[in-house]
């Protein structure tokens, strides 16, 4: 079965752009992986990156990263269940 024409496409609202960009640039490779696959983002590097990038509102950015993490893990779980 061919994927839907818009499969993999999504919209990022302007108010979420900063956290999405931060995730793509600094955190997308920081996954903890268990025997069943990714289990969550490894946040150990986050304080260092926050300092390096001079992040002003660390709490808001962290909350946004957790939202992204949850959404990605949900998609991966659904894809694994469908396979």
N, C-alpha and C. Protein backbone atom coordinates (compact mmCIF):
# COMPACT_ATOMS: atom_id res chain seq x y z
N UNK A 1 0.84 -1.17 0.00
CA UNK A 1 0.00 0.00 0.00
C UNK A 1 0.90 1.24 0.00
N UNK A 2 0.62 2.18 -0.86
CA UNK A 2 1.39 3.42 -0.94
C UNK A 2 0.98 4.36 0.19
N UNK A 3 1.96 5.11 0.74
CA UNK A 3 1.61 6.06 1.79
C UNK A 3 0.73 7.17 1.25
N UNK A 4 -0.05 7.77 2.13
CA UNK A 4 -0.89 8.90 1.75
C UNK A 4 0.01 10.03 1.23
N UNK A 5 -0.50 10.85 0.32
CA UNK A 5 0.31 11.93 -0.25
C UNK A 5 0.89 12.88 0.79
N UNK A 6 0.19 13.07 1.91
CA UNK A 6 0.68 13.99 2.93
C UNK A 6 1.36 13.27 4.10
N UNK A 7 1.65 11.98 3.94
CA UNK A 7 2.30 11.21 5.00
C UNK A 7 3.64 11.83 5.35
N UNK A 8 3.88 12.00 6.62
CA UNK A 8 5.13 12.56 7.09
C UNK A 8 5.16 14.07 7.13
N UNK A 9 4.12 14.72 6.64
CA UNK A 9 4.06 16.17 6.67
C UNK A 9 3.31 16.63 7.92
N UNK A 10 3.74 17.73 8.47
CA UNK A 10 3.07 18.28 9.63
C UNK A 10 3.33 19.77 9.68
N UNK A 11 2.55 20.45 10.46
CA UNK A 11 2.68 21.89 10.60
C UNK A 11 3.25 22.22 11.98
N UNK A 12 4.15 23.19 12.02
CA UNK A 12 4.65 23.69 13.29
C UNK A 12 4.11 25.09 13.46
N UNK A 13 3.34 25.30 14.50
CA UNK A 13 2.79 26.62 14.76
C UNK A 13 3.92 27.58 15.12
N UNK A 14 3.78 28.85 14.77
CA UNK A 14 4.85 29.83 15.03
C UNK A 14 5.30 29.87 16.49
N UNK A 15 4.38 29.72 17.42
CA UNK A 15 4.74 29.78 18.83
C UNK A 15 5.55 28.56 19.29
N UNK A 16 5.60 27.51 18.46
CA UNK A 16 6.37 26.31 18.78
C UNK A 16 7.65 26.20 17.97
N UNK A 17 7.88 27.16 17.09
CA UNK A 17 9.01 27.05 16.17
C UNK A 17 10.34 27.01 16.90
N UNK A 18 10.53 27.83 17.94
CA UNK A 18 11.80 27.88 18.65
C UNK A 18 12.17 26.52 19.24
N UNK A 19 11.22 25.87 19.89
CA UNK A 19 11.52 24.57 20.50
C UNK A 19 11.75 23.51 19.42
N UNK A 20 10.99 23.56 18.33
CA UNK A 20 11.19 22.59 17.25
C UNK A 20 12.59 22.76 16.65
N UNK A 21 12.98 23.99 16.40
CA UNK A 21 14.30 24.27 15.83
C UNK A 21 15.41 23.81 16.80
N UNK A 22 15.22 24.05 18.09
CA UNK A 22 16.19 23.60 19.09
C UNK A 22 16.31 22.08 19.07
N UNK A 23 15.17 21.41 19.02
CA UNK A 23 15.18 19.94 18.96
C UNK A 23 15.94 19.46 17.74
N UNK A 24 15.64 19.98 16.57
CA UNK A 24 16.28 19.54 15.32
C UNK A 24 17.78 19.82 15.36
N UNK A 25 18.17 20.98 15.84
CA UNK A 25 19.58 21.36 15.81
C UNK A 25 20.41 20.69 16.90
N UNK A 26 19.80 20.38 18.05
CA UNK A 26 20.62 19.95 19.18
C UNK A 26 20.22 18.63 19.83
N UNK A 27 18.99 18.18 19.68
CA UNK A 27 18.54 17.04 20.46
C UNK A 27 18.06 15.83 19.66
N UNK A 28 17.90 15.97 18.36
CA UNK A 28 17.30 14.86 17.61
C UNK A 28 18.15 13.59 17.60
N UNK A 29 19.42 13.71 17.95
CA UNK A 29 20.29 12.53 17.99
C UNK A 29 20.51 12.02 19.41
N UNK A 30 19.82 12.58 20.39
CA UNK A 30 20.07 12.27 21.79
C UNK A 30 19.05 11.30 22.37
N UNK A 31 18.77 10.22 21.67
CA UNK A 31 17.78 9.24 22.13
C UNK A 31 18.43 8.14 22.96
N UNK A 32 17.78 7.79 24.05
CA UNK A 32 18.16 6.59 24.81
C UNK A 32 17.44 5.42 24.14
N UNK A 33 18.18 4.34 23.93
CA UNK A 33 17.63 3.20 23.21
C UNK A 33 17.79 1.95 24.06
N UNK A 34 16.69 1.21 24.20
CA UNK A 34 16.70 -0.06 24.90
C UNK A 34 16.61 -1.20 23.89
N UNK A 35 16.42 -2.39 24.36
CA UNK A 35 16.34 -3.54 23.47
C UNK A 35 15.12 -3.49 22.55
N UNK A 36 14.09 -2.77 22.96
CA UNK A 36 12.88 -2.66 22.14
C UNK A 36 12.87 -1.39 21.30
N UNK A 37 13.96 -0.61 21.36
CA UNK A 37 14.01 0.62 20.57
C UNK A 37 14.12 1.85 21.45
N UNK A 38 13.87 3.03 20.88
CA UNK A 38 14.00 4.28 21.63
C UNK A 38 13.01 4.34 22.80
N UNK A 39 13.50 4.82 23.95
CA UNK A 39 12.65 4.93 25.13
C UNK A 39 12.48 6.37 25.60
N UNK A 40 13.27 7.28 25.08
CA UNK A 40 13.16 8.68 25.47
C UNK A 40 14.43 9.43 25.12
N UNK A 41 14.35 10.73 25.25
CA UNK A 41 15.51 11.58 24.98
C UNK A 41 16.46 11.52 26.18
N UNK A 42 17.76 11.47 25.90
CA UNK A 42 18.77 11.53 26.94
C UNK A 42 19.02 13.01 27.24
N UNK A 43 18.52 13.45 28.38
CA UNK A 43 18.59 14.87 28.74
C UNK A 43 19.89 15.26 29.46
N UNK A 44 20.83 14.35 29.61
CA UNK A 44 22.06 14.66 30.33
C UNK A 44 22.84 15.82 29.72
N UNK A 45 22.77 15.97 28.42
CA UNK A 45 23.52 17.03 27.73
C UNK A 45 22.79 18.37 27.76
N UNK A 46 21.53 18.36 28.14
CA UNK A 46 20.70 19.56 28.04
C UNK A 46 21.23 20.78 28.81
N UNK A 47 21.66 20.66 30.06
CA UNK A 47 22.18 21.85 30.75
C UNK A 47 23.36 22.49 30.02
N UNK A 48 24.24 21.67 29.49
CA UNK A 48 25.39 22.17 28.75
C UNK A 48 24.95 22.91 27.49
N UNK A 49 24.00 22.33 26.75
CA UNK A 49 23.51 22.98 25.53
C UNK A 49 22.77 24.27 25.87
N UNK A 50 21.98 24.26 26.94
CA UNK A 50 21.30 25.48 27.36
C UNK A 50 22.30 26.61 27.61
N UNK A 51 23.40 26.30 28.31
CA UNK A 51 24.42 27.32 28.57
C UNK A 51 25.08 27.76 27.27
N UNK A 52 25.46 26.81 26.45
CA UNK A 52 26.14 27.11 25.19
C UNK A 52 25.28 27.97 24.28
N UNK A 53 23.98 27.70 24.23
CA UNK A 53 23.06 28.43 23.36
C UNK A 53 22.44 29.64 24.06
N UNK A 54 22.82 29.87 25.31
CA UNK A 54 22.33 31.00 26.09
C UNK A 54 20.80 31.06 26.12
N UNK A 55 20.20 29.91 26.42
CA UNK A 55 18.74 29.80 26.49
C UNK A 55 18.25 30.60 27.69
N UNK A 56 17.28 31.46 27.46
CA UNK A 56 16.74 32.33 28.51
C UNK A 56 15.67 31.63 29.36
N UNK A 57 14.72 30.97 28.70
CA UNK A 57 13.62 30.32 29.42
C UNK A 57 13.79 28.80 29.31
N UNK A 58 14.68 28.27 30.16
CA UNK A 58 14.99 26.84 30.11
C UNK A 58 13.76 25.97 30.40
N UNK A 59 12.93 26.40 31.34
CA UNK A 59 11.75 25.61 31.71
C UNK A 59 10.80 25.46 30.52
N UNK A 60 10.51 26.55 29.84
CA UNK A 60 9.59 26.49 28.69
C UNK A 60 10.16 25.62 27.57
N UNK A 61 11.45 25.74 27.32
CA UNK A 61 12.06 24.94 26.26
C UNK A 61 12.06 23.46 26.64
N UNK A 62 12.34 23.17 27.91
CA UNK A 62 12.32 21.79 28.38
C UNK A 62 10.92 21.19 28.25
N UNK A 63 9.90 21.96 28.63
CA UNK A 63 8.53 21.47 28.51
C UNK A 63 8.19 21.18 27.05
N UNK A 64 8.62 22.05 26.14
CA UNK A 64 8.40 21.82 24.72
C UNK A 64 9.11 20.59 24.21
N UNK A 65 10.34 20.36 24.67
CA UNK A 65 11.08 19.17 24.26
C UNK A 65 10.38 17.90 24.73
N UNK A 66 9.83 17.93 25.95
CA UNK A 66 9.10 16.76 26.44
C UNK A 66 7.86 16.49 25.60
N UNK A 67 7.20 17.54 25.13
CA UNK A 67 6.03 17.37 24.27
C UNK A 67 6.44 16.72 22.94
N UNK A 68 7.53 17.19 22.36
CA UNK A 68 8.04 16.60 21.12
C UNK A 68 8.41 15.14 21.35
N UNK A 69 9.12 14.88 22.43
CA UNK A 69 9.53 13.51 22.75
C UNK A 69 8.32 12.57 22.83
N UNK A 70 7.30 12.99 23.55
CA UNK A 70 6.09 12.18 23.72
C UNK A 70 5.42 11.90 22.38
N UNK A 71 5.33 12.92 21.54
CA UNK A 71 4.68 12.76 20.24
C UNK A 71 5.47 11.81 19.34
N UNK A 72 6.78 11.95 19.33
CA UNK A 72 7.60 11.08 18.49
C UNK A 72 7.53 9.64 18.97
N UNK A 73 7.63 9.43 20.28
CA UNK A 73 7.54 8.07 20.81
C UNK A 73 6.19 7.44 20.50
N UNK A 74 5.13 8.22 20.53
CA UNK A 74 3.80 7.70 20.19
C UNK A 74 3.75 7.25 18.74
N UNK A 75 4.26 8.06 17.84
CA UNK A 75 4.28 7.71 16.42
C UNK A 75 5.11 6.44 16.21
N UNK A 76 6.29 6.39 16.79
CA UNK A 76 7.14 5.21 16.63
C UNK A 76 6.47 3.95 17.18
N UNK A 77 5.76 4.09 18.30
CA UNK A 77 5.05 2.95 18.89
C UNK A 77 3.94 2.47 17.96
N UNK A 78 3.20 3.42 17.40
CA UNK A 78 2.13 3.05 16.48
C UNK A 78 2.68 2.39 15.22
N UNK A 79 3.80 2.91 14.71
CA UNK A 79 4.42 2.31 13.53
C UNK A 79 4.91 0.90 13.82
N UNK A 80 5.49 0.68 15.00
CA UNK A 80 5.96 -0.64 15.38
C UNK A 80 4.81 -1.62 15.52
N UNK A 81 3.70 -1.14 16.08
CA UNK A 81 2.53 -2.02 16.26
C UNK A 81 1.91 -2.39 14.92
N UNK A 82 2.00 -1.50 13.96
CA UNK A 82 1.40 -1.75 12.64
C UNK A 82 2.29 -2.64 11.77
N UNK A 83 3.55 -2.76 12.13
CA UNK A 83 4.49 -3.54 11.30
C UNK A 83 4.30 -5.03 11.48
